[in-house]
N, C-alpha and C. Protein backbone atom coordinates (compact mmCIF):
# COMPACT_ATOMS: atom_id res chain seq x y z
N MET A 1 111.48 72.94 115.55
CA MET A 1 109.86 73.54 116.00
C MET A 1 109.80 74.45 114.63
N LEU A 2 110.50 74.87 113.82
CA LEU A 2 110.28 75.00 112.69
C LEU A 2 110.00 74.15 111.75
N ALA A 3 110.04 73.03 111.95
CA ALA A 3 109.73 72.07 111.10
C ALA A 3 108.07 72.02 111.16
N ILE A 4 107.93 71.86 111.88
CA ILE A 4 106.41 71.61 112.77
C ILE A 4 105.67 72.56 112.22
N ALA A 5 106.09 73.93 112.37
CA ALA A 5 105.31 74.93 112.34
C ALA A 5 105.41 75.14 110.68
N LEU A 6 106.22 75.00 110.25
CA LEU A 6 106.01 74.70 108.85
C LEU A 6 105.21 73.55 108.05
N ALA A 7 104.48 72.67 108.63
CA ALA A 7 103.74 71.86 108.07
C ALA A 7 102.53 71.76 108.81
N GLU A 8 102.02 72.96 109.85
CA GLU A 8 101.10 73.24 110.59
C GLU A 8 100.18 74.08 109.22
N PRO A 9 98.61 74.78 109.44
CA PRO A 9 98.15 75.34 109.21
C PRO A 9 98.74 77.00 109.03
N LEU A 10 98.28 77.41 107.72
CA LEU A 10 99.01 78.77 107.80
C LEU A 10 99.02 79.86 108.77
N ASP A 11 97.50 79.49 109.22
CA ASP A 11 97.28 80.97 110.21
C ASP A 11 97.46 80.08 111.47
N ARG A 12 98.19 79.19 111.74
CA ARG A 12 98.55 78.79 113.31
C ARG A 12 100.37 78.93 113.17
N ILE A 13 100.88 79.64 112.59
CA ILE A 13 102.36 79.13 112.08
C ILE A 13 103.02 80.10 112.73
N ILE A 14 102.05 81.91 112.72
CA ILE A 14 102.80 83.06 113.74
C ILE A 14 101.88 82.00 115.29
N SER A 15 102.41 82.03 116.61
CA SER A 15 101.46 81.85 117.29
C SER A 15 101.13 83.19 118.01
N GLU A 16 100.08 82.66 119.29
CA GLU A 16 99.85 83.96 119.86
C GLU A 16 100.71 84.60 120.90
N GLY A 17 102.05 84.31 120.87
CA GLY A 17 102.81 84.15 121.95
C GLY A 17 103.44 85.69 121.75
N ALA A 18 104.62 85.88 122.56
CA ALA A 18 105.42 87.04 122.43
C ALA A 18 105.59 87.93 120.79
N LEU A 19 104.93 88.83 120.61
CA LEU A 19 105.84 89.52 119.62
C LEU A 19 107.16 89.03 118.78
N ASP A 20 107.96 89.39 120.00
CA ASP A 20 109.44 89.18 119.76
C ASP A 20 109.78 87.18 119.05
N SER A 21 108.90 86.64 119.75
CA SER A 21 109.21 85.26 119.30
C SER A 21 108.49 85.04 117.92
N ALA A 22 107.67 85.54 117.95
CA ALA A 22 106.99 85.39 116.36
C ALA A 22 107.85 85.95 115.39
N GLU A 23 108.65 87.33 115.55
CA GLU A 23 109.46 88.19 114.96
C GLU A 23 110.65 86.93 114.27
N ARG A 24 111.18 86.48 115.19
CA ARG A 24 112.15 85.15 115.55
C ARG A 24 112.25 83.66 114.56
N GLN A 25 110.68 84.00 114.79
CA GLN A 25 110.28 82.64 114.24
C GLN A 25 110.04 83.06 112.53
N GLU A 26 109.31 84.04 112.24
CA GLU A 26 109.53 84.11 110.80
C GLU A 26 110.76 84.54 110.24
N ARG A 27 111.90 85.20 111.34
CA ARG A 27 112.99 85.39 110.39
C ARG A 27 113.74 84.23 109.93
N GLU A 28 113.44 83.20 110.95
CA GLU A 28 113.92 81.52 110.08
C GLU A 28 113.71 81.09 109.44
N ILE A 29 111.98 81.29 109.30
CA ILE A 29 111.65 80.87 107.79
C ILE A 29 112.10 81.74 107.06
N VAL A 30 112.61 83.12 106.91
CA VAL A 30 113.11 83.92 105.51
C VAL A 30 114.27 83.37 105.53
N GLN A 31 114.41 83.01 106.50
CA GLN A 31 115.96 82.27 106.04
C GLN A 31 116.39 81.12 105.76
N ARG A 32 115.66 80.21 105.75
CA ARG A 32 115.14 78.87 105.20
C ARG A 32 114.41 79.18 103.34
N ALA A 33 113.73 80.24 103.20
CA ALA A 33 113.28 80.63 102.22
C ALA A 33 114.54 80.97 101.35
N GLN A 34 115.47 81.60 101.73
CA GLN A 34 116.51 82.26 101.19
C GLN A 34 117.05 81.52 100.78
N ARG A 35 117.30 80.32 101.45
CA ARG A 35 118.39 78.77 100.94
C ARG A 35 117.09 77.79 99.99
N LEU A 36 116.29 78.30 99.70
CA LEU A 36 115.04 77.73 98.29
C LEU A 36 114.49 77.25 98.77
N ASP A 37 113.90 76.80 100.30
CA ASP A 37 113.12 75.98 100.57
C ASP A 37 111.66 75.89 100.50
N GLN A 38 111.40 74.66 99.95
CA GLN A 38 109.96 75.35 99.29
C GLN A 38 108.93 75.27 100.31
N ARG A 39 108.78 75.11 101.60
CA ARG A 39 107.84 75.26 102.31
C ARG A 39 108.07 76.15 102.72
N ALA A 40 109.15 76.76 103.27
CA ALA A 40 109.34 78.27 103.85
C ALA A 40 108.96 79.38 102.30
N LEU A 41 109.33 79.23 101.30
CA LEU A 41 109.01 80.26 99.99
C LEU A 41 106.78 80.16 100.01
N ALA A 42 105.99 79.09 100.35
CA ALA A 42 105.11 78.66 99.86
C ALA A 42 104.57 79.94 101.45
N TRP A 43 105.23 79.33 102.57
CA TRP A 43 104.56 79.77 103.54
C TRP A 43 104.80 81.70 103.43
N LEU A 44 105.66 82.14 103.12
CA LEU A 44 105.90 83.51 102.66
C LEU A 44 104.95 83.94 101.46
N TYR A 45 105.03 83.12 100.63
CA TYR A 45 103.38 83.90 99.64
C TYR A 45 102.61 83.45 100.23
N GLU A 46 101.83 82.79 100.48
CA GLU A 46 100.48 82.55 101.08
C GLU A 46 100.55 83.54 102.35
N CYS A 47 101.27 83.59 103.35
CA CYS A 47 101.11 84.96 104.48
C CYS A 47 100.57 85.99 103.79
N TYR A 48 101.65 86.77 102.53
CA TYR A 48 101.57 87.73 102.55
C TYR A 48 101.06 87.94 101.29
N TYR A 49 100.93 87.53 100.14
CA TYR A 49 99.95 87.82 98.95
C TYR A 49 98.29 87.98 99.45
N PRO A 50 97.51 87.46 100.75
CA PRO A 50 96.48 88.48 100.78
C PRO A 50 96.37 89.93 101.57
N ARG A 51 97.67 89.63 102.11
CA ARG A 51 97.48 91.03 103.04
C ARG A 51 98.30 92.11 102.25
N VAL A 52 99.25 91.78 101.15
CA VAL A 52 99.06 93.09 99.94
C VAL A 52 98.04 92.93 99.12
N TYR A 53 97.52 92.46 98.68
CA TYR A 53 95.84 92.13 97.85
C TYR A 53 95.21 93.15 98.50
N SER A 54 94.87 92.72 99.56
CA SER A 54 94.23 93.76 100.52
C SER A 54 94.83 95.45 100.64
N TYR A 55 95.81 95.45 101.05
CA TYR A 55 96.40 96.97 101.19
C TYR A 55 96.57 97.42 100.06
N ILE A 56 96.94 96.48 98.57
CA ILE A 56 96.40 97.13 97.45
C ILE A 56 94.82 97.67 96.85
N LEU A 57 93.75 96.58 97.20
CA LEU A 57 92.77 96.55 96.98
C LEU A 57 91.90 98.42 97.47
N LEU A 58 92.33 98.62 98.62
CA LEU A 58 92.17 99.53 99.35
C LEU A 58 92.30 100.91 98.92
N GLN A 59 93.73 100.57 97.77
CA GLN A 59 94.10 102.08 97.63
C GLN A 59 93.63 102.24 96.02
N LEU A 60 92.80 101.24 95.45
CA LEU A 60 92.58 101.33 94.15
C LEU A 60 91.56 100.74 93.58
N GLY A 61 90.46 99.71 94.63
CA GLY A 61 89.32 99.60 94.58
C GLY A 61 89.09 99.05 93.52
N ASP A 62 89.70 98.21 92.48
CA ASP A 62 89.98 97.24 91.31
C ASP A 62 90.59 95.88 91.93
N ALA A 63 89.05 94.79 91.89
CA ALA A 63 90.02 93.16 92.07
C ALA A 63 91.05 92.96 91.15
N GLN A 64 90.93 93.01 90.04
CA GLN A 64 91.65 92.81 89.32
C GLN A 64 93.33 93.56 89.09
N GLN A 65 93.45 94.64 88.88
CA GLN A 65 94.19 95.42 89.24
C GLN A 65 95.05 94.62 90.55
N ALA A 66 94.41 95.55 91.70
CA ALA A 66 95.38 94.18 92.86
C ALA A 66 95.31 93.01 92.97
N GLU A 67 94.82 92.14 92.33
CA GLU A 67 95.67 91.09 92.26
C GLU A 67 97.09 91.17 90.89
N ASP A 68 96.98 91.77 90.26
CA ASP A 68 98.05 91.82 88.96
C ASP A 68 99.01 92.79 89.80
N ILE A 69 98.45 93.82 90.58
CA ILE A 69 99.87 94.37 91.06
C ILE A 69 99.92 93.49 92.75
N ALA A 70 99.57 92.75 93.14
CA ALA A 70 99.85 91.78 94.57
C ALA A 70 101.01 90.80 93.60
N SER A 71 100.43 90.07 92.61
CA SER A 71 101.17 89.19 91.82
C SER A 71 102.64 89.51 91.51
N GLU A 72 102.53 90.96 91.35
CA GLU A 72 103.80 91.64 90.84
C GLU A 72 104.98 91.67 92.14
N THR A 73 104.48 92.05 92.98
CA THR A 73 104.84 92.23 94.77
C THR A 73 105.56 91.03 94.84
N MET A 74 104.97 90.15 94.70
CA MET A 74 105.22 88.20 95.35
C MET A 74 106.38 88.38 94.24
N LEU A 75 106.44 88.60 93.01
CA LEU A 75 107.33 88.18 91.83
C LEU A 75 108.56 88.77 92.50
N LYS A 76 108.62 89.93 92.91
CA LYS A 76 109.74 90.97 93.09
C LYS A 76 110.27 90.34 94.22
N MET A 77 109.38 90.76 95.37
CA MET A 77 109.98 90.18 96.64
C MET A 77 110.52 88.47 96.56
N LEU A 78 110.61 87.75 96.12
CA LEU A 78 110.58 86.19 95.87
C LEU A 78 112.05 86.61 95.42
N GLU A 79 112.55 88.08 93.93
CA GLU A 79 113.34 87.41 93.19
C GLU A 79 114.63 88.31 93.83
N ALA A 80 114.01 88.98 94.88
CA ALA A 80 115.30 90.02 95.24
C ALA A 80 115.16 89.41 97.10
N LEU A 81 114.74 88.36 97.30
CA LEU A 81 114.88 87.46 98.72
C LEU A 81 116.21 87.39 98.83
N PRO A 82 116.98 86.54 98.06
CA PRO A 82 118.17 86.11 98.18
C PRO A 82 119.51 87.61 98.92
N ARG A 83 118.84 88.77 98.28
CA ARG A 83 119.20 89.76 98.79
C ARG A 83 119.65 90.66 99.88
N TYR A 84 117.97 89.99 100.36
CA TYR A 84 117.82 90.57 102.04
C TYR A 84 118.37 90.54 103.13
N LYS A 85 118.48 91.69 103.97
CA LYS A 85 119.30 91.87 105.36
C LYS A 85 118.40 92.16 105.87
N PHE A 86 118.46 91.16 107.37
CA PHE A 86 118.25 91.62 108.43
C PHE A 86 118.69 92.75 109.11
N ARG A 87 117.70 93.93 109.37
CA ARG A 87 117.89 95.36 109.33
C ARG A 87 117.89 95.93 111.17
N GLY A 88 117.18 94.82 111.60
CA GLY A 88 116.38 95.54 113.12
C GLY A 88 114.85 95.85 113.11
N VAL A 89 114.70 95.60 111.62
CA VAL A 89 113.11 96.32 111.27
C VAL A 89 112.18 94.79 110.44
N PRO A 90 110.81 94.75 111.09
CA PRO A 90 109.83 93.64 110.66
C PRO A 90 110.28 93.08 108.77
N PHE A 91 110.34 91.95 108.78
CA PHE A 91 110.23 91.82 107.38
C PHE A 91 108.97 92.11 106.70
N SER A 92 108.05 92.46 107.51
CA SER A 92 107.10 93.03 106.70
C SER A 92 106.95 94.17 106.21
N ALA A 93 107.73 95.05 106.51
CA ALA A 93 108.52 96.80 106.23
C ALA A 93 108.74 96.29 104.85
N TRP A 94 109.51 95.51 104.90
CA TRP A 94 110.38 95.67 103.36
C TRP A 94 109.28 94.87 102.32
N VAL A 95 108.57 93.97 102.75
CA VAL A 95 107.37 93.21 101.81
C VAL A 95 106.30 94.62 101.47
N PHE A 96 106.06 95.25 102.57
CA PHE A 96 104.84 96.63 102.10
C PHE A 96 105.53 97.66 101.31
N ARG A 97 107.52 97.75 101.77
CA ARG A 97 107.74 98.94 100.94
C ARG A 97 107.77 98.83 99.41
N ILE A 98 107.95 97.50 98.52
CA ILE A 98 107.85 96.88 97.98
C ILE A 98 106.93 96.73 97.09
N ALA A 99 105.26 96.41 97.72
CA ALA A 99 104.49 96.82 97.26
C ALA A 99 103.96 98.10 97.15
N ARG A 100 104.38 98.77 98.14
CA ARG A 100 103.76 100.25 97.56
C ARG A 100 104.64 100.86 96.69
N ASN A 101 105.86 100.20 96.57
CA ASN A 101 106.54 100.99 94.83
C ASN A 101 106.04 100.54 93.76
N CYS A 102 105.77 99.27 93.77
CA CYS A 102 104.67 98.72 92.67
C CYS A 102 103.31 99.60 92.72
N LEU A 103 102.61 100.03 93.74
CA LEU A 103 101.75 100.98 93.43
C LEU A 103 102.05 102.08 92.99
N ILE A 104 103.41 102.76 93.55
CA ILE A 104 103.46 104.08 92.48
C ILE A 104 103.89 104.19 91.47
N ASP A 105 104.40 102.88 90.63
CA ASP A 105 104.44 102.48 89.02
C ASP A 105 102.95 102.47 88.77
N HIS A 106 102.56 101.87 89.06
CA HIS A 106 101.49 101.64 88.55
C HIS A 106 100.39 102.67 88.38
N ARG A 107 100.25 103.67 89.04
CA ARG A 107 99.68 104.98 89.42
C ARG A 107 100.53 105.77 88.06
N ARG A 108 101.63 105.77 88.01
CA ARG A 108 102.76 106.40 87.17
C ARG A 108 101.97 105.90 85.72
N ARG A 109 102.02 104.56 85.60
CA ARG A 109 101.63 104.36 84.37
C ARG A 109 100.26 104.23 83.72
N ARG A 110 99.04 104.74 85.12
CA ARG A 110 97.98 104.63 84.33
C ARG A 110 97.53 106.14 84.52
N GLY A 111 98.62 106.69 85.24
CA GLY A 111 98.72 108.49 84.93
C GLY A 111 96.85 108.65 85.21
N ARG A 112 96.36 108.73 86.20
CA ARG A 112 94.64 109.07 86.79
C ARG A 112 94.86 109.17 87.91
N ARG A 113 94.37 109.54 88.54
CA ARG A 113 93.37 109.71 89.99
C ARG A 113 93.27 108.32 90.75
N VAL A 114 93.52 108.02 91.47
CA VAL A 114 93.12 106.69 92.39
C VAL A 114 92.19 106.69 93.24
N GLU A 115 91.32 106.13 93.03
CA GLU A 115 89.80 106.20 94.46
C GLU A 115 90.10 105.13 95.08
N VAL A 116 89.76 104.92 96.12
CA VAL A 116 89.28 104.35 97.22
C VAL A 116 88.06 103.54 97.45
N ARG A 117 88.54 102.08 97.52
CA ARG A 117 86.61 101.87 97.77
C ARG A 117 86.91 100.81 98.42
N LEU A 118 86.41 100.87 100.16
CA LEU A 118 86.88 100.48 100.56
C LEU A 118 85.21 99.71 100.88
N ASP A 119 84.26 99.59 99.95
CA ASP A 119 83.09 99.18 99.79
C ASP A 119 83.35 97.42 99.29
N THR A 120 84.27 97.74 98.23
CA THR A 120 85.14 96.71 97.32
C THR A 120 85.65 95.96 98.47
N VAL A 121 86.31 96.10 98.97
CA VAL A 121 86.72 94.91 99.80
C VAL A 121 86.03 94.87 101.14
N ALA A 122 85.01 94.98 101.75
CA ALA A 122 84.02 94.68 102.10
C ALA A 122 83.57 93.45 101.71
N GLU A 123 82.64 93.96 100.78
CA GLU A 123 82.25 92.42 99.91
C GLU A 123 83.26 91.47 99.96
N ALA A 124 84.44 91.86 99.25
CA ALA A 124 84.66 90.72 99.03
C ALA A 124 85.62 90.00 100.20
N GLN A 125 85.62 90.71 101.48
CA GLN A 125 85.89 89.13 102.69
C GLN A 125 84.46 89.25 103.36
N ALA A 126 83.41 89.73 102.64
CA ALA A 126 82.16 89.21 103.68
C ALA A 126 82.08 87.68 103.48
N GLN A 127 81.41 87.49 104.88
CA GLN A 127 81.01 85.69 104.78
C GLN A 127 79.83 85.61 104.74
N ASP A 128 79.16 85.58 103.12
CA ASP A 128 77.79 85.44 102.86
C ASP A 128 76.62 86.40 104.13
N PRO A 129 77.05 87.30 104.11
CA PRO A 129 76.08 88.21 104.69
C PRO A 129 74.48 88.61 104.35
N SER A 130 73.47 88.51 105.30
CA SER A 130 72.26 88.98 104.78
C SER A 130 72.08 89.95 103.71
N PRO A 131 71.19 90.57 103.33
CA PRO A 131 70.69 91.53 102.82
C PRO A 131 70.83 92.88 103.62
N ALA A 132 69.99 92.87 104.32
CA ALA A 132 69.76 93.80 105.42
C ALA A 132 71.81 94.23 106.54
N ALA A 133 72.27 92.99 106.31
CA ALA A 133 74.11 93.41 106.83
C ALA A 133 74.38 93.34 105.93
N ARG A 134 74.57 92.97 104.53
CA ARG A 134 75.25 93.68 103.76
C ARG A 134 74.57 95.26 103.17
N ALA A 135 73.58 95.85 103.49
CA ALA A 135 73.54 96.86 102.75
C ALA A 135 73.81 97.99 104.09
N GLU A 136 73.87 97.45 105.22
CA GLU A 136 74.39 98.40 106.22
C GLU A 136 75.66 98.52 106.34
N MET A 137 76.49 97.24 105.35
CA MET A 137 78.18 97.16 105.77
C MET A 137 77.97 98.25 104.48
N SER A 138 77.34 98.21 103.66
CA SER A 138 77.66 98.76 102.34
C SER A 138 77.84 100.03 102.69
N GLU A 139 76.41 100.34 102.91
CA GLU A 139 76.58 102.23 103.71
C GLU A 139 77.72 103.01 104.59
N SER A 140 77.99 102.08 105.79
CA SER A 140 79.03 102.48 106.51
C SER A 140 80.03 102.81 105.60
N TYR A 141 80.86 101.49 104.96
CA TYR A 141 81.61 101.58 104.06
C TYR A 141 82.29 102.91 103.13
N GLU A 142 80.70 103.02 102.63
CA GLU A 142 80.84 103.79 101.89
C GLU A 142 81.27 105.37 102.44
N LYS A 143 80.21 105.48 103.49
CA LYS A 143 80.97 106.74 104.27
C LYS A 143 82.44 106.80 104.59
N LEU A 144 82.99 105.69 104.94
CA LEU A 144 84.15 105.61 105.29
C LEU A 144 85.55 106.06 103.82
N ARG A 145 84.60 105.50 102.99
CA ARG A 145 85.64 105.64 101.57
C ARG A 145 85.03 106.91 101.25
N ARG A 146 84.83 107.67 100.91
CA ARG A 146 84.10 108.77 100.82
C ARG A 146 85.51 109.67 101.46
N ALA A 147 85.39 109.64 103.22
CA ALA A 147 86.13 110.24 104.14
C ALA A 147 87.84 109.94 104.01
N LEU A 148 88.10 108.64 103.46
CA LEU A 148 89.25 108.14 103.26
C LEU A 148 90.04 109.01 101.94
N ALA A 149 88.98 109.25 100.74
CA ALA A 149 89.25 110.08 99.47
C ALA A 149 89.87 111.27 99.38
N GLN A 150 89.43 111.66 101.08
CA GLN A 150 89.97 113.33 100.63
C GLN A 150 90.96 113.07 101.74
N LEU A 151 91.34 112.74 102.20
CA LEU A 151 93.00 112.38 103.19
C LEU A 151 94.39 112.47 102.27
N THR A 152 95.06 113.02 103.03
CA THR A 152 96.36 112.99 101.62
C THR A 152 96.49 112.02 101.56
N ASP A 153 97.76 111.24 101.03
CA ASP A 153 98.22 110.10 100.40
C ASP A 153 98.63 109.30 101.18
N GLU A 154 99.49 109.77 102.24
CA GLU A 154 100.32 109.50 103.30
C GLU A 154 99.91 109.27 104.60
N GLN A 155 98.77 110.41 104.68
CA GLN A 155 97.47 109.96 105.70
C GLN A 155 96.93 108.79 105.62
N ARG A 156 96.42 108.78 103.72
CA ARG A 156 95.56 107.49 104.06
C ARG A 156 96.34 105.82 103.97
N GLN A 157 97.95 106.13 103.40
CA GLN A 157 98.64 105.24 103.45
C GLN A 157 98.82 104.51 105.39
N VAL A 158 99.00 105.84 106.41
CA VAL A 158 99.49 105.33 107.58
C VAL A 158 97.98 104.71 107.84
N VAL A 159 96.78 105.39 107.97
CA VAL A 159 95.38 104.70 108.24
C VAL A 159 95.48 103.17 108.51
N ILE A 160 95.84 103.15 106.47
CA ILE A 160 95.33 101.66 106.24
C ILE A 160 96.79 100.34 106.59
N LEU A 161 97.72 101.17 106.98
CA LEU A 161 99.08 100.34 107.30
C LEU A 161 98.76 99.81 108.97
N LYS A 162 98.04 101.12 109.73
CA LYS A 162 98.03 101.10 110.81
C LYS A 162 97.21 100.28 111.52
N PHE A 163 95.46 100.50 110.69
CA PHE A 163 94.58 99.85 111.23
C PHE A 163 94.21 98.80 110.24
N VAL A 164 94.52 98.54 109.53
CA VAL A 164 94.09 97.18 108.71
C VAL A 164 94.89 96.06 108.51
N GLN A 165 96.18 96.40 108.31
CA GLN A 165 97.41 95.87 108.47
C GLN A 165 98.62 95.77 109.72
N GLY A 166 97.64 96.21 110.20
CA GLY A 166 98.32 95.98 112.16
C GLY A 166 99.55 96.74 111.87
N LEU A 167 100.12 96.84 111.05
CA LEU A 167 101.64 97.24 111.53
C LEU A 167 101.99 98.44 112.55
N ASP A 168 103.00 98.34 112.93
CA ASP A 168 103.26 99.21 114.32
C ASP A 168 104.16 100.51 113.05
N ASN A 169 104.01 101.45 114.60
CA ASN A 169 104.87 102.99 113.87
C ASN A 169 106.18 102.37 113.09
N ARG A 170 107.05 102.03 113.94
CA ARG A 170 108.29 102.03 113.33
C ARG A 170 108.10 100.69 112.00
N THR A 171 107.43 100.07 112.04
CA THR A 171 107.38 99.40 110.37
C THR A 171 106.91 100.23 109.70
N ILE A 172 105.69 100.97 109.75
CA ILE A 172 105.11 102.00 109.16
C ILE A 172 106.21 103.22 108.38
N ALA A 173 107.02 103.45 109.18
CA ALA A 173 108.16 104.41 108.84
C ALA A 173 108.58 103.78 107.68
N LYS A 174 109.61 102.76 107.95
CA LYS A 174 109.95 101.89 107.06
C LYS A 174 109.61 101.73 105.27
N VAL A 175 108.18 101.18 106.03
CA VAL A 175 107.80 101.55 104.51
C VAL A 175 107.58 102.56 103.57
N LEU A 176 107.29 103.72 104.61
CA LEU A 176 106.66 104.69 103.92
C LEU A 176 108.51 105.96 103.59
N GLY A 177 109.26 105.11 104.13
CA GLY A 177 110.38 106.25 104.50
C GLY A 177 110.59 107.47 104.93
N ARG A 178 109.61 107.34 106.25
CA ARG A 178 109.82 108.83 106.69
C ARG A 178 110.45 108.40 108.72
N ARG A 179 110.38 109.23 109.49
CA ARG A 179 111.26 109.35 110.56
C ARG A 179 109.45 108.94 111.41
N GLU A 180 109.90 108.37 112.37
CA GLU A 180 108.66 107.46 113.30
C GLU A 180 107.56 108.64 113.89
N GLY A 181 108.70 109.66 114.08
CA GLY A 181 107.66 110.93 115.29
C GLY A 181 106.83 111.20 113.85
N ALA A 182 107.48 111.12 112.30
CA ALA A 182 106.43 111.87 111.50
C ALA A 182 105.05 111.06 111.50
N ILE A 183 105.44 109.42 111.53
CA ILE A 183 104.04 108.60 111.17
C ILE A 183 103.37 108.78 112.76
N LYS A 184 103.61 109.70 113.63
CA LYS A 184 102.48 109.88 114.73
C LYS A 184 101.92 110.91 114.19
N SER A 185 102.46 111.82 114.02
CA SER A 185 101.97 113.45 113.68
C SER A 185 100.95 112.81 112.46
N LEU A 186 101.20 112.31 110.87
CA LEU A 186 100.13 112.03 110.57
C LEU A 186 99.23 110.85 110.84
N GLN A 187 99.38 109.85 111.42
CA GLN A 187 98.45 109.18 111.98
C GLN A 187 97.40 110.08 113.01
N TYR A 188 97.84 111.12 113.82
CA TYR A 188 97.10 112.00 114.55
C TYR A 188 96.06 112.85 113.31
N ARG A 189 96.92 113.68 112.67
CA ARG A 189 96.61 114.17 111.85
C ARG A 189 95.18 113.67 110.77
N ALA A 190 95.21 112.55 110.57
CA ALA A 190 94.83 111.62 109.90
C ALA A 190 93.58 111.12 110.21
N LEU A 191 93.62 111.11 111.89
CA LEU A 191 92.06 110.63 112.60
C LEU A 191 91.50 111.79 113.01
N GLN A 192 92.23 112.56 113.23
CA GLN A 192 91.60 113.89 113.31
C GLN A 192 90.80 114.74 112.41
N ALA A 193 91.28 114.70 110.78
CA ALA A 193 90.50 114.36 109.70
C ALA A 193 89.33 113.92 109.74
N LEU A 194 89.69 112.31 109.87
CA LEU A 194 88.32 111.60 109.57
C LEU A 194 87.66 111.61 110.19
N LYS A 195 87.39 112.01 111.69
CA LYS A 195 86.52 112.37 112.95
C LYS A 195 85.72 113.50 112.24
N ARG A 196 86.62 114.96 111.38
CA ARG A 196 85.46 115.80 111.55
C ARG A 196 84.85 115.47 110.00
N ILE A 197 85.45 114.82 109.10
CA ILE A 197 85.42 114.81 107.55
C ILE A 197 83.79 113.69 107.82
N LEU A 198 83.63 113.02 108.70
CA LEU A 198 82.76 112.16 108.84
C LEU A 198 81.86 112.70 110.03
N GLN A 199 82.25 113.65 110.85
CA GLN A 199 81.05 114.27 111.73
C GLN A 199 79.60 115.32 110.60
N GLN A 200 80.77 115.77 109.22
CA GLN A 200 80.56 116.82 108.72
C GLN A 200 78.98 116.35 108.12
N GLU A 201 79.62 114.76 107.39
CA GLU A 201 78.73 113.93 106.54
C GLU A 201 77.47 113.80 107.25
N GLY A 202 78.06 113.80 108.75
CA GLY A 202 76.87 112.81 109.64
C GLY A 202 75.59 114.14 110.03
N GLU A 203 75.88 115.22 109.88
CA GLU A 203 75.39 117.02 109.62
C GLU A 203 74.73 117.25 108.55
N GLY A 204 75.36 115.90 107.59
CA GLY A 204 75.03 117.36 106.58
C GLY A 204 73.37 116.36 105.96
């Protein structure tokens, strides 16, 4: 089954079945990648590079920097893959932890405030929208960009990992090195803050 899966388009490798089944299948793919199976290695790269790129772009708003850091993350992932061990959490938690560390290193090197620009992401992901749709999208994302910029770094991380990347709280906790209860609290505070900020902007 795995051999067939690796020969199928990437967007069909992880089926729409139960999450446990998808996680087991990914684990098999990771184990094959650790044995230097070229198809498995290619799948991991093609699966996670776009997700890491999106995650970084939401943090920085600079496409070129996002590409560089996403590539650095993938390189470090592949280099560390032989030493990776399953410890009861999704593989994605390990990958995004590497991505977060690369982002932190980048911020230290840059030594300046990082801006969040969701409008850039929207334009990059849009499928040739009409001028009217693009204008409406840009306005909406600009409002959200300004709101996200007012959150703490951890609140912003939780919002992006939860609602953009679709990670569950347990996985996010592993990425950020926090307890799951703390993630729930951060999510609640972040959503309340976003609601308040957007309401205030709407009244302004």
